[in-house]
Amino acid sequence: MNNHKLSYYDLEAVISELLDDDILRFESDLELEYRQSLNDANGTIEFSIGALNFTIIPDEWLEENDPTAFRCGFNDWLDFEGYEEIILNDTRFWTNDIHAVEEAIDAKVDELEDELEEDEDPEEEEDEDEN
């Protein structure tokens, strides 16, 4: 990875692109996917006791009745899916493709370095013309 630093705004542009491409994800979005996977795997459970009808939605039941198991399951699911936590501009994101994040940051640094070089070249030519 390139050792140069990006400004806050340049890094925000990279983050925005990575979010659009689903390379960076927010924890809340991943939690929704986890909840969906719980519900898909277990389905809604409906049962009756006497005249009372009950419906259990797995993700809601687990979170309400055993929040520790819910959170541990979520963390296990993140590990299984290959997600890693990354902090950019003091914001926490998750990615399962850290190399794509590094490449996007390096590409932005290279782009900015090229712009700087282009800006420097016309000045050098003007100095040479004056001599």
Protein backbone atom coordinates (compact mmCIF):
# COMPACT_ATOMS: atom_id res chain seq x y z
CA MET A 1 0.00 0.00 0.00
CA ASN A 2 1.20 3.50 -0.80
CA ASN A 3 2.61 5.43 2.18
CA HIS A 4 1.13 8.77 1.14
CA LYS A 5 -1.79 10.27 2.99
CA LEU A 6 -5.00 11.42 1.37
CA SER A 7 -6.86 14.47 2.56
CA TYR A 8 -10.16 13.94 4.34
CA TYR A 9 -12.10 14.96 1.23
CA ASP A 10 -10.07 12.82 -1.17
CA LEU A 11 -10.56 9.81 1.06
CA GLU A 12 -14.29 10.59 1.28
CA ALA A 13 -14.43 10.37 -2.52
CA VAL A 14 -12.76 6.95 -2.44
CA ILE A 15 -15.09 5.80 0.35
CA SER A 16 -18.12 6.93 -1.63
CA GLU A 17 -16.99 4.92 -4.67
CA LEU A 18 -16.30 1.84 -2.54
CA LEU A 19 -19.72 2.11 -0.88
CA ASP A 20 -21.39 2.39 -4.30
CA ASP A 21 -19.55 -0.76 -5.42
CA ASP A 22 -20.51 -2.63 -2.19
CA ILE A 23 -16.84 -3.13 -1.34
CA LEU A 24 -17.30 -1.17 1.88
CA ARG A 25 -20.37 -1.90 3.98
CA PHE A 26 -21.92 -0.42 7.10
CA GLU A 27 -22.48 -2.72 10.07
CA SER A 28 -26.21 -1.99 10.03
CA ASP A 29 -26.49 -3.26 6.44
CA LEU A 30 -24.61 -6.43 7.32
CA GLU A 31 -26.79 -6.97 10.37
CA LEU A 32 -29.85 -6.89 8.11
CA GLU A 33 -28.25 -9.59 5.94
CA TYR A 34 -27.51 -11.65 9.05
CA ARG A 35 -31.10 -11.31 10.24
CA GLN A 36 -32.32 -12.40 6.81
CA SER A 37 -30.05 -15.43 6.88
CA LEU A 38 -31.42 -16.40 10.31
CA ASN A 39 -34.97 -16.06 9.09
CA ASP A 40 -34.31 -17.89 5.81
CA ALA A 41 -32.63 -20.79 7.60
CA ASN A 42 -35.29 -21.21 10.27
CA GLY A 43 -38.47 -19.75 8.82
CA THR A 44 -41.27 -18.21 10.82
CA ILE A 45 -42.61 -20.49 13.52
CA GLU A 46 -46.34 -20.40 14.18
CA PHE A 47 -48.09 -22.35 16.91
CA SER A 48 -51.15 -22.23 19.10
CA ILE A 49 -51.76 -22.91 22.74
CA GLY A 50 -55.45 -23.15 23.30
CA ALA A 51 -57.05 -20.12 21.71
CA LEU A 52 -53.78 -18.17 21.63
CA ASN A 53 -51.81 -18.02 18.39
CA PHE A 54 -48.09 -17.30 18.45
CA THR A 55 -45.65 -16.36 15.72
CA ILE A 56 -41.91 -16.48 16.32
CA ILE A 57 -39.61 -14.64 13.96
CA PRO A 58 -36.16 -16.16 14.57
CA ASP A 59 -34.00 -13.03 14.45
CA GLU A 60 -36.32 -11.05 16.70
CA TRP A 61 -36.75 -13.92 19.16
CA LEU A 62 -33.00 -14.53 19.43
CA GLU A 63 -32.17 -10.85 19.90
CA GLU A 64 -34.87 -10.39 22.56
CA ASN A 65 -34.26 -13.61 24.49
CA ASP A 66 -30.50 -14.02 24.16
CA PRO A 67 -28.81 -10.82 22.95
CA THR A 68 -25.38 -12.29 23.66
CA ALA A 69 -26.04 -15.27 21.39
CA PHE A 70 -27.43 -12.91 18.75
CA ARG A 71 -24.28 -10.77 18.84
CA CYS A 72 -21.93 -13.77 18.94
CA GLY A 73 -23.81 -15.30 16.02
CA PHE A 74 -23.50 -12.05 14.10
CA ASN A 75 -19.75 -11.92 14.75
CA ASP A 76 -19.40 -15.56 13.69
CA TRP A 77 -21.40 -14.81 10.53
CA LEU A 78 -19.09 -11.84 9.75
CA ASP A 79 -16.06 -14.12 10.14
CA PHE A 80 -17.65 -16.83 7.99
CA GLU A 81 -18.43 -14.29 5.24
CA GLY A 82 -14.83 -13.00 5.42
CA TYR A 83 -15.60 -9.47 6.61
CA GLU A 84 -12.95 -7.34 8.27
CA GLU A 85 -13.41 -4.10 10.13
CA ILE A 86 -11.71 -1.04 8.67
CA ILE A 87 -11.78 2.53 9.96
CA LEU A 88 -11.53 5.34 7.41
CA ASN A 89 -11.99 9.01 8.32
CA ASP A 90 -13.06 7.97 11.84
CA THR A 91 -15.94 5.87 10.47
CA ARG A 92 -16.16 2.12 10.90
CA PHE A 93 -16.81 0.05 7.79
CA TRP A 94 -16.67 -3.64 6.97
CA THR A 95 -15.18 -5.23 3.87
CA ASN A 96 -14.53 -8.72 2.60
CA ASP A 97 -12.11 -7.40 -0.03
CA ILE A 98 -9.40 -5.42 1.77
CA HIS A 99 -7.18 -5.57 -1.33
CA ALA A 100 -9.78 -3.68 -3.38
CA VAL A 101 -9.85 -0.97 -0.68
CA GLU A 102 -6.05 -0.69 -0.72
CA GLU A 103 -6.00 -0.58 -4.53
CA ALA A 104 -8.65 2.16 -4.64
CA ILE A 105 -6.73 4.28 -2.14
CA ASP A 106 -3.45 3.73 -4.01
CA ALA A 107 -5.13 4.63 -7.31
CA LYS A 108 -6.41 7.91 -5.81
CA VAL A 109 -2.93 8.73 -4.47
CA ASP A 110 -1.42 8.01 -7.89
CA GLU A 111 -4.08 10.16 -9.57
CA LEU A 112 -3.33 13.08 -7.25
CA GLU A 113 0.44 12.66 -7.73
CA ASP A 114 -0.06 12.72 -11.50
CA GLU A 115 -2.10 15.92 -11.19
CA LEU A 116 0.68 17.49 -9.14
CA GLU A 117 3.28 16.51 -11.72
CA GLU A 118 1.14 17.99 -14.50
CA ASP A 119 0.80 21.22 -12.55
CA GLU A 120 4.57 21.40 -12.01
CA ASP A 121 5.56 20.79 -15.65
CA PRO A 122 4.14 24.05 -17.15
CA GLU A 123 6.04 26.12 -14.60
CA GLU A 124 9.32 24.44 -15.51
CA GLU A 125 8.70 25.14 -19.19
CA GLU A 126 8.02 28.83 -18.47
CA ASP A 127 11.26 29.12 -16.50
CA GLU A 128 13.21 27.58 -19.38
CA ASP A 129 11.62 30.00 -21.89
CA GLU A 130 12.65 33.04 -19.81
CA ASN A 131 16.34 32.00 -19.77
